[in-house]
Amino acid sequence: MNVERDSQKKILIGHKGEMLKKIGTEARKELESILGSKVYLGLFVKVAPDWRENPQKVRELDWRYQLEGLATEVEEKD
């Protein structure tokens, strides 16, 4: 997860990592429900100043964009 400031990182992680654990647990459960199987979800928080103003950074975080890239790679292999 990207945040713009170190203070945001501290809030997102929370006291003793409690908030990050809660976010990760909920996200993992949702993914497992969608995919129908167990998943490992590794989370990290990165300070990236002004990432929301950089179109390339935003595209890198867009799961639809990433899936389109994977689909293209699979099509090229076939």
N, C-alpha and C. Protein backbone atom coordinates (compact mmCIF):
# COMPACT_ATOMS: atom_id res chain seq x y z
N MET A 1 0.84 -1.16 0.00
CA MET A 1 0.00 0.00 0.00
C MET A 1 0.89 1.23 0.00
N ASN A 2 0.51 2.20 -0.79
CA ASN A 2 1.27 3.44 -0.86
C ASN A 2 0.57 4.53 -0.07
N VAL A 3 1.35 5.32 0.62
CA VAL A 3 0.88 6.51 1.31
C VAL A 3 1.80 7.66 0.92
N GLU A 4 1.33 8.87 1.10
CA GLU A 4 2.14 10.02 0.69
C GLU A 4 3.05 10.55 1.79
N ARG A 5 2.70 10.28 3.05
CA ARG A 5 3.50 10.82 4.15
C ARG A 5 3.76 9.75 5.21
N ASP A 6 4.84 9.91 5.93
CA ASP A 6 5.21 8.97 6.98
C ASP A 6 4.14 8.91 8.08
N SER A 7 3.49 10.04 8.33
CA SER A 7 2.44 10.06 9.35
C SER A 7 1.27 9.16 8.93
N GLN A 8 0.98 9.10 7.62
CA GLN A 8 -0.08 8.22 7.13
C GLN A 8 0.32 6.76 7.29
N LYS A 9 1.59 6.48 7.11
CA LYS A 9 2.09 5.12 7.26
C LYS A 9 1.87 4.64 8.69
N LYS A 10 2.18 5.49 9.64
CA LYS A 10 2.00 5.13 11.05
C LYS A 10 0.54 4.86 11.37
N ILE A 11 -0.36 5.65 10.80
CA ILE A 11 -1.79 5.45 11.03
C ILE A 11 -2.25 4.13 10.41
N LEU A 12 -1.81 3.85 9.20
CA LEU A 12 -2.21 2.64 8.49
C LEU A 12 -1.71 1.38 9.19
N ILE A 13 -0.50 1.41 9.70
CA ILE A 13 0.05 0.26 10.40
C ILE A 13 -0.63 0.11 11.76
N GLY A 14 -0.83 1.21 12.46
CA GLY A 14 -1.49 1.18 13.75
C GLY A 14 -0.57 0.71 14.87
N HIS A 15 -1.10 0.75 16.08
CA HIS A 15 -0.34 0.35 17.27
C HIS A 15 -0.04 -1.14 17.21
N LYS A 16 1.24 -1.49 17.25
CA LYS A 16 1.71 -2.87 17.19
C LYS A 16 1.21 -3.61 15.95
N GLY A 17 0.95 -2.87 14.87
CA GLY A 17 0.54 -3.49 13.61
C GLY A 17 -0.91 -3.94 13.57
N GLU A 18 -1.70 -3.54 14.56
CA GLU A 18 -3.07 -4.02 14.65
C GLU A 18 -3.93 -3.62 13.45
N MET A 19 -3.81 -2.38 12.99
CA MET A 19 -4.64 -1.91 11.87
C MET A 19 -4.25 -2.62 10.58
N LEU A 20 -2.95 -2.78 10.34
CA LEU A 20 -2.49 -3.47 9.13
C LEU A 20 -2.96 -4.93 9.15
N LYS A 21 -2.93 -5.56 10.30
CA LYS A 21 -3.39 -6.94 10.42
C LYS A 21 -4.88 -7.02 10.10
N LYS A 22 -5.64 -6.08 10.62
CA LYS A 22 -7.09 -6.07 10.37
C LYS A 22 -7.38 -5.88 8.88
N ILE A 23 -6.70 -4.95 8.24
CA ILE A 23 -6.87 -4.69 6.81
C ILE A 23 -6.51 -5.94 6.01
N GLY A 24 -5.37 -6.55 6.35
CA GLY A 24 -4.92 -7.74 5.64
C GLY A 24 -5.86 -8.91 5.81
N THR A 25 -6.37 -9.11 7.01
CA THR A 25 -7.28 -10.22 7.27
C THR A 25 -8.56 -10.06 6.47
N GLU A 26 -9.14 -8.87 6.48
CA GLU A 26 -10.37 -8.62 5.73
C GLU A 26 -10.14 -8.78 4.22
N ALA A 27 -9.04 -8.27 3.72
CA ALA A 27 -8.73 -8.38 2.29
C ALA A 27 -8.51 -9.84 1.91
N ARG A 28 -7.80 -10.59 2.74
CA ARG A 28 -7.55 -12.00 2.46
C ARG A 28 -8.85 -12.78 2.42
N LYS A 29 -9.74 -12.54 3.39
CA LYS A 29 -11.02 -13.23 3.41
C LYS A 29 -11.84 -12.93 2.16
N GLU A 30 -11.82 -11.69 1.74
CA GLU A 30 -12.57 -11.31 0.53
C GLU A 30 -11.99 -11.99 -0.71
N LEU A 31 -10.67 -12.00 -0.81
CA LEU A 31 -10.02 -12.66 -1.95
C LEU A 31 -10.30 -14.15 -1.95
N GLU A 32 -10.24 -14.78 -0.80
CA GLU A 32 -10.52 -16.21 -0.71
C GLU A 32 -11.96 -16.51 -1.12
N SER A 33 -12.87 -15.64 -0.76
CA SER A 33 -14.26 -15.81 -1.15
C SER A 33 -14.43 -15.69 -2.66
N ILE A 34 -13.77 -14.73 -3.25
CA ILE A 34 -13.85 -14.53 -4.71
C ILE A 34 -13.19 -15.68 -5.46
N LEU A 35 -12.01 -16.10 -5.00
CA LEU A 35 -11.23 -17.11 -5.72
C LEU A 35 -11.62 -18.54 -5.36
N GLY A 36 -12.26 -18.72 -4.22
CA GLY A 36 -12.66 -20.05 -3.80
C GLY A 36 -11.52 -20.92 -3.32
N SER A 37 -10.44 -20.31 -2.89
CA SER A 37 -9.30 -21.09 -2.36
C SER A 37 -8.52 -20.22 -1.39
N LYS A 38 -7.66 -20.86 -0.63
CA LYS A 38 -6.82 -20.14 0.34
C LYS A 38 -5.78 -19.31 -0.41
N VAL A 39 -5.48 -18.14 0.14
CA VAL A 39 -4.45 -17.29 -0.45
C VAL A 39 -3.53 -16.77 0.64
N TYR A 40 -2.30 -16.48 0.27
CA TYR A 40 -1.37 -15.79 1.15
C TYR A 40 -1.33 -14.35 0.68
N LEU A 41 -1.52 -13.43 1.57
CA LEU A 41 -1.51 -12.02 1.22
C LEU A 41 -0.43 -11.32 2.03
N GLY A 42 0.63 -10.94 1.36
CA GLY A 42 1.70 -10.20 2.01
C GLY A 42 1.47 -8.71 1.82
N LEU A 43 1.48 -7.97 2.89
CA LEU A 43 1.24 -6.53 2.82
C LEU A 43 2.47 -5.75 3.26
N PHE A 44 2.65 -4.62 2.63
CA PHE A 44 3.68 -3.68 3.06
C PHE A 44 3.17 -2.28 2.80
N VAL A 45 3.69 -1.33 3.53
CA VAL A 45 3.30 0.06 3.39
C VAL A 45 4.53 0.85 2.97
N LYS A 46 4.39 1.59 1.88
CA LYS A 46 5.51 2.34 1.32
C LYS A 46 5.14 3.82 1.24
N VAL A 47 6.06 4.67 1.68
CA VAL A 47 5.87 6.11 1.54
C VAL A 47 6.35 6.50 0.15
N ALA A 48 5.42 7.00 -0.67
CA ALA A 48 5.73 7.43 -2.03
C ALA A 48 5.11 8.82 -2.22
N PRO A 49 5.88 9.87 -1.94
CA PRO A 49 5.33 11.22 -2.03
C PRO A 49 4.68 11.50 -3.39
N ASP A 50 3.49 12.08 -3.34
CA ASP A 50 2.75 12.51 -4.54
C ASP A 50 2.44 11.38 -5.52
N TRP A 51 2.31 10.16 -5.06
CA TRP A 51 2.03 9.05 -5.97
C TRP A 51 0.69 9.20 -6.67
N ARG A 52 -0.28 9.84 -6.03
CA ARG A 52 -1.59 10.01 -6.66
C ARG A 52 -1.55 10.97 -7.84
N GLU A 53 -0.54 11.80 -7.91
CA GLU A 53 -0.40 12.77 -9.00
C GLU A 53 0.37 12.19 -10.19
N ASN A 54 0.90 10.98 -10.04
CA ASN A 54 1.70 10.35 -11.08
C ASN A 54 0.87 9.26 -11.77
N PRO A 55 0.42 9.49 -13.01
CA PRO A 55 -0.44 8.51 -13.70
C PRO A 55 0.19 7.11 -13.78
N GLN A 56 1.48 7.03 -13.97
CA GLN A 56 2.14 5.72 -14.06
C GLN A 56 2.03 4.97 -12.73
N LYS A 57 2.26 5.65 -11.63
CA LYS A 57 2.14 5.02 -10.30
C LYS A 57 0.72 4.53 -10.06
N VAL A 58 -0.26 5.34 -10.44
CA VAL A 58 -1.66 4.96 -10.25
C VAL A 58 -1.98 3.72 -11.08
N ARG A 59 -1.52 3.68 -12.33
CA ARG A 59 -1.76 2.50 -13.19
C ARG A 59 -1.12 1.25 -12.60
N GLU A 60 0.06 1.39 -12.01
CA GLU A 60 0.74 0.23 -11.41
C GLU A 60 -0.08 -0.37 -10.28
N LEU A 61 -0.88 0.42 -9.61
CA LEU A 61 -1.66 -0.05 -8.48
C LEU A 61 -3.07 -0.49 -8.88
N ASP A 62 -3.47 -0.25 -10.12
CA ASP A 62 -4.81 -0.59 -10.60
C ASP A 62 -4.88 -2.07 -10.96
N TRP A 63 -5.65 -2.85 -10.21
CA TRP A 63 -5.70 -4.30 -10.43
C TRP A 63 -6.27 -4.63 -11.81
N ARG A 64 -7.15 -3.80 -12.35
CA ARG A 64 -7.69 -4.07 -13.69
C ARG A 64 -6.59 -3.94 -14.74
N TYR A 65 -5.76 -2.93 -14.59
CA TYR A 65 -4.64 -2.73 -15.50
C TYR A 65 -3.67 -3.91 -15.43
N GLN A 66 -3.42 -4.38 -14.21
CA GLN A 66 -2.53 -5.53 -14.03
C GLN A 66 -3.12 -6.78 -14.67
N LEU A 67 -4.44 -7.01 -14.52
CA LEU A 67 -5.08 -8.18 -15.12
C LEU A 67 -5.04 -8.12 -16.65
N GLU A 68 -5.22 -6.93 -17.21
CA GLU A 68 -5.13 -6.77 -18.65
C GLU A 68 -3.73 -7.14 -19.14
N GLY A 69 -2.72 -6.73 -18.39
CA GLY A 69 -1.34 -7.08 -18.74
C GLY A 69 -1.10 -8.57 -18.69
N LEU A 70 -1.65 -9.24 -17.68
CA LEU A 70 -1.51 -10.69 -17.58
C LEU A 70 -2.24 -11.39 -18.72
N ALA A 71 -3.43 -10.91 -19.08
CA ALA A 71 -4.19 -11.51 -20.17
C ALA A 71 -3.44 -11.38 -21.48
N THR A 72 -2.81 -10.25 -21.69
CA THR A 72 -2.03 -10.02 -22.90
C THR A 72 -0.85 -10.98 -22.97
N GLU A 73 -0.17 -11.19 -21.83
CA GLU A 73 0.96 -12.12 -21.79
C GLU A 73 0.51 -13.54 -22.12
N VAL A 74 -0.62 -13.95 -21.60
CA VAL A 74 -1.13 -15.31 -21.86
C VAL A 74 -1.49 -15.44 -23.33
N GLU A 75 -2.13 -14.46 -23.92
CA GLU A 75 -2.50 -14.49 -25.34
C GLU A 75 -1.27 -14.57 -26.23
N GLU A 76 -0.23 -13.85 -25.85
CA GLU A 76 1.01 -13.85 -26.65
C GLU A 76 1.69 -15.22 -26.60
N LYS A 77 1.56 -15.94 -25.49
CA LYS A 77 2.17 -17.26 -25.36
C LYS A 77 1.42 -18.30 -26.19
N ASP A 78 0.12 -18.09 -26.37
CA ASP A 78 -0.70 -19.05 -27.13
C ASP A 78 -0.46 -18.84 -28.57
